Amino acid sequence: MNDKIKWIQNSMVKQNGTGASTELFNKMAIEKAINFHRTFPDYQPTPLRELSKLANNLGVGGIYVKDESYRFGLNAFKALGGSYAIGRYLAKRLNKDISELPFEVLTSPEVKEQLGDITFATTTDGNHGRGIAWTARQLRQKSVVYMPKGSSQYRLERIRSEGATAEITDMNYDDAVRMTAVEAEKHGWVVVQDTSWEGYEEIPSWIMQGYGTMAAESIEQLNNLGIEKPTHIFVQAGVGALAGSVQGYFASLFKEGRPETVIVEADQADCLYKSALAADGRPRVVGGDMATVMAGLACGEPNLIGWNILRDYSDVFVSCPDWVAAKGMRVLANPLLGDPKVISGESGAVTAGLLSTLMIDEGLKEAREALHLDEKSQILLFNTEGNTDPFKYRSIVWDGELPSAGR
């Protein structure tokens, strides 16, 4: 197995407003999502951690980690998308605007009576499914969750604890998504998936808008620190829904002055990197088991809404072996004196691992230069999950699984 970091500069970037529309993720659209999330009793902005000692150590101006391990007590960002998509779906069924359905109305007996019984179905490696199950439980509705083979038993039990019917299948993620769609058709369930395909685009677009809450909070928090905008954003990608949402929001907000963006994938599921490599504008698909420790990124078929935005506005695509994620987990868990500690899972930490390697590895000097990373760079990272599998977390952070030394 190749243990090298692979990267490519995006040759398909569009100039002067000729790229894919970012209207779905403009300020007004994302404000609608954040206003909905603010009505949740558990809502508060997740912390933005400033790692100034690490930044100094790596020779950059600033490193800021948006720490989603605090989101709604669910240890991951995913519920932002699932809850907003379900809210929008129910608003449409009730012929109302989402702004008329704050959390207390949406969860009221009156609304439940109007809606009757609904079952929401999804495929997940863990975090998204738990968010869907959590939302369905709040709404006194049902959820069915399928997980790809190799999924964590611990994550399965957390999903079941939210009241979902859940099981681990013997399929990879993308095949499980197709199976879920077939089962939903058969039983009359509502599929809530951040993968989009032809004829299934509305719900994924709502999920992506829900993720925008995180991006909107982060820019406000940077502004409070006296930073107008990040110069660089490193964001991880599975199907590319989160990455597309973040990219779409910042491209809409800053147009030609947007931050330079690095899209980071697991090398076992690097469909976006391979799409950038092909450079013909069409998305590529990765099949097989996708056996990566970064379970949240083990998706081989791009979300088409996300791909169009990433293709037209992102700067560099990177394919990372598992040790990069493990390194990121250890860097964040064992900070330099004076920096805050960040508990990050495998998919959450890969960007920190990449940045830490990128700034010191002479073999990646060309990538550093292509991204103009220097002592003025203000870099935004997203820790998308905490220790959502505590056993794997300890194996990596305590026991040294997947060492980076000698790579």
Protein backbone atom coordinates (compact mmCIF):
# COMPACT_ATOMS: atom_id res chain seq x y z
CA MET A 1 0.00 0.00 0.00
CA ASN A 2 1.32 3.44 -0.92
CA ASP A 3 2.02 5.47 2.22
CA LYS A 4 2.80 8.72 0.43
CA ILE A 5 0.64 11.84 0.37
CA LYS A 6 -0.47 12.59 -3.20
CA TRP A 7 -1.64 16.00 -4.34
CA ILE A 8 -2.64 17.83 -7.47
CA GLN A 9 -3.26 21.47 -8.26
CA ASN A 10 -6.73 21.95 -9.73
CA SER A 11 -6.45 22.89 -13.41
CA MET A 12 -10.21 23.37 -13.81
CA VAL A 13 -10.71 26.46 -11.60
CA LYS A 14 -13.10 28.94 -13.20
CA GLN A 15 -12.44 32.68 -13.25
CA ASN A 16 -14.60 35.80 -13.12
CA GLY A 17 -17.94 34.35 -12.10
CA THR A 18 -18.03 31.59 -14.74
CA GLY A 19 -18.08 28.71 -12.21
CA ALA A 20 -21.01 26.67 -10.90
CA SER A 21 -23.67 28.65 -9.08
CA THR A 22 -23.06 29.14 -5.36
CA GLU A 23 -26.56 30.52 -4.80
CA LEU A 24 -27.54 27.54 -2.65
CA PHE A 25 -24.86 28.62 -0.20
CA ASN A 26 -25.13 32.39 -0.25
CA LYS A 27 -25.39 34.42 2.95
CA MET A 28 -29.19 34.50 2.92
CA ALA A 29 -29.56 30.73 2.37
CA ILE A 30 -27.13 29.88 5.15
CA GLU A 31 -28.68 32.44 7.52
CA LYS A 32 -31.97 30.58 7.10
CA ALA A 33 -30.23 27.37 8.21
CA ILE A 34 -28.44 28.95 11.16
CA ASN A 35 -31.66 30.66 12.32
CA PHE A 36 -33.37 27.24 12.31
CA HIS A 37 -30.53 25.67 14.32
CA ARG A 38 -30.63 28.53 16.84
CA THR A 39 -34.14 27.45 17.85
CA PHE A 40 -32.81 24.10 19.15
CA PRO A 41 -32.58 24.01 22.96
CA ASP A 42 -29.07 22.47 22.74
CA TYR A 43 -27.80 24.99 20.18
CA GLN A 44 -24.66 26.96 20.80
CA PRO A 45 -21.83 27.79 18.41
CA THR A 46 -19.05 25.21 18.64
CA PRO A 47 -15.68 26.60 19.76
CA LEU A 48 -13.01 27.90 17.38
CA ARG A 49 -9.68 26.79 18.86
CA GLU A 50 -6.68 29.00 18.14
CA LEU A 51 -3.43 26.99 17.93
CA SER A 52 -0.95 29.86 17.95
CA LYS A 53 2.00 27.81 19.26
CA LEU A 54 1.50 25.19 16.55
CA ALA A 55 1.23 27.94 13.94
CA ASN A 56 4.51 29.43 15.15
CA ASN A 57 6.13 25.99 15.16
CA LEU A 58 5.06 25.32 11.57
CA GLY A 59 5.93 28.81 10.32
CA VAL A 60 2.44 30.07 9.49
CA GLY A 61 0.50 33.08 10.76
CA GLY A 62 -2.38 31.29 12.48
CA ILE A 63 -4.16 27.93 12.75
CA TYR A 64 -7.82 27.85 13.81
CA VAL A 65 -9.74 24.61 14.41
CA LYS A 66 -13.54 24.70 14.38
CA ASP A 67 -14.26 22.01 16.96
CA GLU A 68 -17.46 20.15 16.06
CA SER A 69 -17.00 17.55 18.79
CA TYR A 70 -19.24 19.87 20.86
CA ARG A 71 -22.21 19.92 18.44
CA PHE A 72 -25.58 19.13 20.12
CA GLY A 73 -23.82 16.70 22.47
CA LEU A 74 -23.46 14.30 19.52
CA ASN A 75 -19.66 14.56 19.12
CA ALA A 76 -19.84 15.42 15.39
CA PHE A 77 -21.09 18.05 12.94
CA LYS A 78 -23.42 15.79 10.95
CA ALA A 79 -26.66 16.57 12.79
CA LEU A 80 -26.52 20.10 11.33
CA GLY A 81 -27.28 18.72 7.87
CA GLY A 82 -29.72 15.96 8.80
CA SER A 83 -31.82 18.14 11.11
CA TYR A 84 -32.09 20.98 8.58
CA ALA A 85 -32.98 18.62 5.72
CA ILE A 86 -35.68 16.94 7.80
CA GLY A 87 -36.96 20.38 8.87
CA ARG A 88 -37.14 21.53 5.24
CA TYR A 89 -38.82 18.29 4.16
CA LEU A 90 -41.50 18.61 6.86
CA ALA A 91 -41.99 22.30 6.07
CA LYS A 92 -42.67 21.36 2.45
CA ARG A 93 -45.18 18.68 3.54
CA LEU A 94 -46.92 21.25 5.73
CA ASN A 95 -46.83 23.96 3.03
CA LYS A 96 -44.88 26.25 5.33
CA ASP A 97 -41.54 28.04 5.22
CA ILE A 98 -38.87 26.63 7.54
CA SER A 99 -38.78 30.01 9.31
CA GLU A 100 -42.32 29.27 10.55
CA LEU A 101 -41.21 25.97 12.10
CA PRO A 102 -38.83 26.56 14.97
CA PHE A 103 -37.81 23.49 16.97
CA GLU A 104 -40.60 23.82 19.56
CA VAL A 105 -43.27 23.96 16.84
CA LEU A 106 -41.71 21.17 14.78
CA THR A 107 -41.63 18.87 17.82
CA SER A 108 -45.13 19.76 19.03
CA PRO A 109 -47.97 17.19 19.29
CA GLU A 110 -50.04 19.32 16.86
CA VAL A 111 -47.42 19.02 14.10
CA LYS A 112 -46.94 15.30 14.80
CA GLU A 113 -50.69 14.83 14.41
CA GLN A 114 -50.69 16.70 11.09
CA LEU A 115 -47.77 14.67 9.76
CA GLY A 116 -48.69 11.22 11.02
CA ASP A 117 -45.99 8.53 11.12
CA ILE A 118 -42.86 8.99 9.02
CA THR A 119 -39.78 6.79 8.84
CA PHE A 120 -36.50 8.43 7.81
CA ALA A 121 -33.89 6.12 6.29
CA THR A 122 -30.19 6.63 5.69
CA THR A 123 -26.80 4.99 5.15
CA THR A 124 -23.95 6.06 7.39
CA ASP A 125 -20.55 5.16 8.80
CA GLY A 126 -21.88 6.50 12.11
CA ASN A 127 -22.11 10.26 12.60
CA HIS A 128 -24.75 11.13 9.98
CA GLY A 129 -26.94 8.19 11.02
CA ARG A 130 -26.80 9.21 14.65
CA GLY A 131 -27.82 12.75 13.68
CA ILE A 132 -30.80 11.43 11.69
CA ALA A 133 -31.82 9.07 14.52
CA TRP A 134 -31.48 11.89 17.07
CA THR A 135 -33.65 14.25 14.96
CA ALA A 136 -36.28 11.57 14.29
CA ARG A 137 -36.49 10.77 18.01
CA GLN A 138 -36.98 14.46 18.86
CA LEU A 139 -39.84 14.56 16.32
CA ARG A 140 -41.35 11.32 17.69
CA GLN A 141 -40.81 9.69 14.32
CA LYS A 142 -38.95 6.50 13.31
CA SER A 143 -35.57 5.99 11.66
CA VAL A 144 -33.85 3.12 9.89
CA VAL A 145 -30.08 3.22 9.52
CA TYR A 146 -27.81 0.97 7.46
CA MET A 147 -24.03 0.95 7.88
CA PRO A 148 -21.34 -0.30 5.49
CA LYS A 149 -19.26 -3.39 6.28
CA GLY A 150 -16.41 -2.80 8.67
CA SER A 151 -18.38 -0.14 10.59
CA SER A 152 -17.70 0.32 14.29
CA GLN A 153 -19.92 -1.70 16.64
CA TYR A 154 -19.68 1.17 19.14
CA ARG A 155 -21.05 3.65 16.58
CA LEU A 156 -23.86 1.19 15.75
CA GLU A 157 -24.88 1.02 19.42
CA ARG A 158 -24.86 4.84 19.72
CA ILE A 159 -27.27 5.03 16.77
CA ARG A 160 -29.53 2.39 18.33
CA SER A 161 -29.47 4.34 21.60
CA GLU A 162 -31.23 7.18 19.73
CA GLY A 163 -34.12 4.82 18.96
CA ALA A 164 -33.21 3.82 15.40
CA THR A 165 -33.52 0.40 13.85
CA ALA A 166 -29.92 -0.04 12.70
CA GLU A 167 -27.62 -2.72 11.30
CA ILE A 168 -24.21 -3.18 9.71
CA THR A 169 -24.49 -4.57 6.16
CA ASP A 170 -21.98 -6.62 4.15
CA MET A 171 -21.70 -3.89 1.48
CA ASN A 172 -19.45 -0.89 0.95
CA TYR A 173 -20.90 2.58 1.57
CA ASP A 174 -22.08 3.35 -1.97
CA ASP A 175 -23.74 -0.06 -2.44
CA ALA A 176 -25.45 0.36 0.95
CA VAL A 177 -26.77 3.77 -0.21
CA ARG A 178 -28.34 2.09 -3.27
CA MET A 179 -29.84 -0.68 -1.11
CA THR A 180 -31.31 1.91 1.28
CA ALA A 181 -32.98 3.71 -1.64
CA VAL A 182 -34.54 0.42 -2.83
CA GLU A 183 -35.80 -0.47 0.67
CA ALA A 184 -37.19 3.05 1.15
CA GLU A 185 -39.09 2.80 -2.14
CA LYS A 186 -40.55 -0.53 -1.03
CA HIS A 187 -41.62 0.64 2.45
CA GLY A 188 -42.48 4.29 1.80
CA TRP A 189 -39.59 5.66 3.86
CA VAL A 190 -38.00 9.08 3.31
CA VAL A 191 -34.32 8.85 2.36
CA VAL A 192 -32.11 11.50 3.99
CA GLN A 193 -28.71 11.12 2.32
CA ASP A 194 -25.96 13.64 1.54
CA THR A 195 -25.03 11.73 -1.61
CA SER A 196 -26.92 13.18 -4.56
CA TRP A 197 -27.80 11.41 -7.80
CA GLU A 198 -30.03 12.21 -10.73
CA GLY A 199 -33.54 12.78 -9.43
CA TYR A 200 -32.35 12.97 -5.81
CA GLU A 201 -30.95 16.43 -5.30
CA GLU A 202 -33.32 18.45 -3.11
CA ILE A 203 -32.66 16.70 0.23
CA PRO A 204 -28.85 16.56 -0.31
CA SER A 205 -28.88 20.29 -1.09
CA TRP A 206 -30.74 20.97 2.19
CA ILE A 207 -28.23 18.81 4.09
CA MET A 208 -25.38 20.84 2.56
CA GLN A 209 -27.09 24.10 3.53
CA GLY A 210 -27.40 22.78 7.09
CA TYR A 211 -23.64 22.22 7.17
CA GLY A 212 -23.31 25.91 6.29
CA THR A 213 -24.14 26.80 9.91
CA MET A 214 -20.64 25.62 10.84
CA ALA A 215 -18.96 27.75 8.16
CA ALA A 216 -21.02 30.83 9.08
CA GLU A 217 -20.14 30.47 12.77
CA SER A 218 -16.44 30.11 11.93
CA ILE A 219 -16.23 33.34 9.94
CA GLU A 220 -18.00 35.25 12.72
CA GLN A 221 -15.56 33.80 15.27
CA LEU A 222 -12.56 34.71 13.10
CA ASN A 223 -13.93 38.25 12.75
CA ASN A 224 -14.14 38.45 16.56
CA LEU A 225 -10.42 37.62 16.63
CA GLY A 226 -9.74 40.49 14.22
CA ILE A 227 -9.34 38.28 11.15
CA GLU A 228 -11.44 39.34 8.17
CA LYS A 229 -11.19 35.92 6.48
CA PRO A 230 -8.88 32.89 6.42
CA THR A 231 -6.23 32.86 3.69
CA HIS A 232 -6.52 29.06 3.50
CA ILE A 233 -9.13 26.42 4.30
CA PHE A 234 -8.31 22.73 4.60
CA VAL A 235 -11.49 20.65 4.50
CA GLN A 236 -11.99 16.89 4.41
CA ALA A 237 -14.23 15.15 1.90
CA GLY A 238 -16.13 11.87 1.70
CA VAL A 239 -18.82 12.34 -0.94
CA GLY A 240 -17.92 16.05 -0.91
CA ALA A 241 -21.13 17.42 0.62
CA LEU A 242 -19.41 19.12 3.56
CA ALA A 243 -16.50 20.30 1.42
CA GLY A 244 -18.88 21.59 -1.27
CA SER A 245 -20.92 23.43 1.34
CA VAL A 246 -17.85 25.11 2.88
CA GLN A 247 -16.39 25.92 -0.55
CA GLY A 248 -19.74 27.21 -1.84
CA TYR A 249 -20.25 29.46 1.18
CA PHE A 250 -16.78 31.05 1.07
CA ALA A 251 -16.84 31.39 -2.74
CA SER A 252 -20.25 33.08 -2.51
CA LEU A 253 -19.08 35.38 0.30
CA PHE A 254 -15.66 36.42 -1.06
CA LYS A 255 -15.94 35.79 -4.83
CA GLU A 256 -12.49 36.20 -6.46
CA GLY A 257 -10.98 37.02 -3.04
CA ARG A 258 -11.99 33.66 -1.57
CA PRO A 259 -9.50 31.68 0.56
CA GLU A 260 -7.30 29.07 -1.12
CA THR A 261 -8.96 25.73 -0.47
CA VAL A 262 -7.42 22.29 0.00
CA ILE A 263 -9.74 19.27 -0.36
CA VAL A 264 -8.47 16.32 1.68
CA GLU A 265 -9.50 12.67 1.18
CA ALA A 266 -8.56 9.20 2.38
CA ASP A 267 -6.41 7.49 -0.25
CA GLN A 268 -8.70 4.43 -0.25
CA ALA A 269 -11.69 6.58 -1.27
CA ASP A 270 -10.11 9.48 -3.19
CA CYS A 271 -12.80 9.95 -5.86
CA LEU A 272 -12.42 13.75 -5.91
CA TYR A 273 -8.62 13.61 -6.16
CA LYS A 274 -8.97 11.14 -9.08
CA SER A 275 -11.57 13.44 -10.67
CA ALA A 276 -9.12 16.36 -10.41
CA LEU A 277 -6.37 14.16 -11.85
CA ALA A 278 -8.54 13.31 -14.88
CA ALA A 279 -9.17 17.08 -15.30
CA ASP A 280 -12.01 16.67 -17.81
CA GLY A 281 -14.69 18.07 -15.47
CA ARG A 282 -16.41 14.73 -14.93
CA PRO A 283 -16.50 13.00 -11.54
CA ARG A 284 -14.67 9.70 -11.08
CA VAL A 285 -15.80 6.79 -8.91
CA VAL A 286 -13.73 4.60 -6.55
CA GLY A 287 -15.07 1.11 -5.77
CA GLY A 288 -14.07 -1.80 -3.55
CA ASP A 289 -13.89 -2.06 0.22
CA MET A 290 -12.37 1.40 0.85
CA ALA A 291 -10.69 0.04 3.97
CA THR A 292 -9.53 3.25 5.60
CA VAL A 293 -9.42 4.20 9.28
CA MET A 294 -11.19 7.43 8.17
CA ALA A 295 -14.63 5.79 8.18
CA GLY A 296 -16.42 9.12 7.68
CA LEU A 297 -14.54 9.65 4.41
CA ALA A 298 -14.92 6.10 3.02
CA CYS A 299 -17.21 7.13 0.17
CA GLY A 300 -16.29 6.44 -3.45
CA GLU A 301 -18.95 8.29 -5.44
CA PRO A 302 -19.01 12.11 -5.40
CA ASN A 303 -22.06 14.16 -4.51
CA LEU A 304 -22.69 15.90 -7.85
CA ILE A 305 -23.72 19.26 -6.35
CA GLY A 306 -20.54 19.23 -4.26
CA TRP A 307 -18.31 18.09 -7.13
CA ASN A 308 -19.43 20.91 -9.45
CA ILE A 309 -18.53 23.50 -6.82
CA LEU A 310 -15.24 21.87 -5.79
CA ARG A 311 -14.20 21.47 -9.44
CA ASP A 312 -14.76 25.16 -10.19
CA TYR A 313 -13.45 26.82 -7.00
CA SER A 314 -11.01 24.58 -5.08
CA ASP A 315 -7.25 24.94 -5.46
CA VAL A 316 -5.63 21.65 -4.47
CA PHE A 317 -6.88 18.07 -4.00
CA VAL A 318 -4.97 15.75 -1.67
CA SER A 319 -5.12 11.97 -1.17
CA CYS A 320 -3.91 10.93 2.31
CA PRO A 321 -2.89 7.54 3.72
CA ASP A 322 -4.25 6.59 7.15
CA TRP A 323 -1.10 7.60 9.06
CA VAL A 324 -1.83 11.27 8.21
CA ALA A 325 -5.12 11.11 10.13
CA ALA A 326 -3.42 9.32 13.04
CA LYS A 327 -0.72 11.99 13.14
CA GLY A 328 -3.38 14.72 13.19
CA MET A 329 -5.15 13.02 16.12
CA ARG A 330 -1.91 12.96 18.12
CA VAL A 331 -0.95 16.54 17.22
CA LEU A 332 -4.35 17.85 18.36
CA ALA A 333 -4.53 15.65 21.49
CA ASN A 334 -1.00 16.59 22.65
CA PRO A 335 -0.71 20.33 22.00
CA LEU A 336 2.34 22.52 22.41
CA LEU A 337 2.36 24.28 25.79
CA GLY A 338 -0.17 27.12 25.71
CA ASP A 339 -2.35 25.69 22.93
CA PRO A 340 -5.75 24.13 23.75
CA LYS A 341 -6.25 20.38 23.43
CA VAL A 342 -8.64 19.15 20.72
CA ILE A 343 -10.12 15.65 20.85
CA SER A 344 -10.47 14.61 17.23
CA GLY A 345 -11.45 11.36 15.55
CA GLU A 346 -9.85 9.87 12.45
CA SER A 347 -11.91 11.78 9.87
CA GLY A 348 -11.78 14.98 11.95
CA ALA A 349 -8.00 15.11 12.28
CA VAL A 350 -6.72 14.36 8.77
CA THR A 351 -6.44 18.05 7.84
CA ALA A 352 -4.33 18.79 10.92
CA GLY A 353 -2.12 15.81 10.10
CA LEU A 354 -1.74 17.00 6.53
CA LEU A 355 -0.92 20.60 7.48
CA SER A 356 1.63 19.44 10.08
CA THR A 357 3.34 17.28 7.45
CA LEU A 358 3.02 19.73 4.57
CA MET A 359 4.88 22.49 6.40
CA ILE A 360 7.94 20.39 7.33
CA ASP A 361 8.29 17.68 4.67
CA GLU A 362 10.77 18.73 1.98
CA GLY A 363 9.12 16.28 -0.40
CA LEU A 364 6.00 18.48 -0.25
CA LYS A 365 7.79 21.80 -0.80
CA GLU A 366 6.19 22.19 -4.23
CA ALA A 367 2.71 21.82 -2.71
CA ARG A 368 3.56 24.43 -0.04
CA GLU A 369 4.67 26.84 -2.71
CA ALA A 370 1.67 26.15 -4.95
CA LEU A 371 -0.56 27.10 -2.00
CA HIS A 372 1.50 30.16 -1.01
CA LEU A 373 1.70 28.91 2.57
CA ASP A 374 3.93 31.21 4.63
CA GLU A 375 4.20 33.20 7.86
CA LYS A 376 1.21 35.36 6.82
CA SER A 377 -1.16 32.42 6.25
CA GLN A 378 -4.27 32.24 8.46
CA ILE A 379 -5.51 28.67 8.15
CA LEU A 380 -8.98 27.35 9.03
CA LEU A 381 -9.50 23.63 9.76
CA PHE A 382 -12.68 21.76 10.68
CA ASN A 383 -12.57 19.05 13.34
CA THR A 384 -15.67 17.28 12.09
CA GLU A 385 -15.82 14.66 14.86
CA GLY A 386 -14.54 13.89 18.33
CA ASN A 387 -13.68 10.40 19.55
CA THR A 388 -16.82 8.85 18.06
CA ASP A 389 -15.12 5.45 18.36
CA PRO A 390 -13.26 5.75 21.70
CA PHE A 391 -11.60 2.32 21.31
CA LYS A 392 -10.01 3.25 17.98
CA TYR A 393 -9.13 6.68 19.39
CA ARG A 394 -7.17 5.15 22.26
CA SER A 395 -5.50 2.63 19.97
CA ILE A 396 -4.13 5.49 17.87
CA VAL A 397 -3.45 8.20 20.45
CA TRP A 398 -2.38 6.03 23.40
CA ASP A 399 -1.00 2.90 21.76
CA GLY A 400 0.62 4.40 18.67
CA GLU A 401 -1.34 2.60 15.97
CA LEU A 402 -0.45 3.93 12.47
CA PRO A 403 2.85 5.68 13.34
CA SER A 404 4.07 8.45 11.03
CA ALA A 405 7.77 8.09 11.90
CA GLY A 406 9.92 6.92 9.00
CA ARG A 407 7.33 7.72 6.34
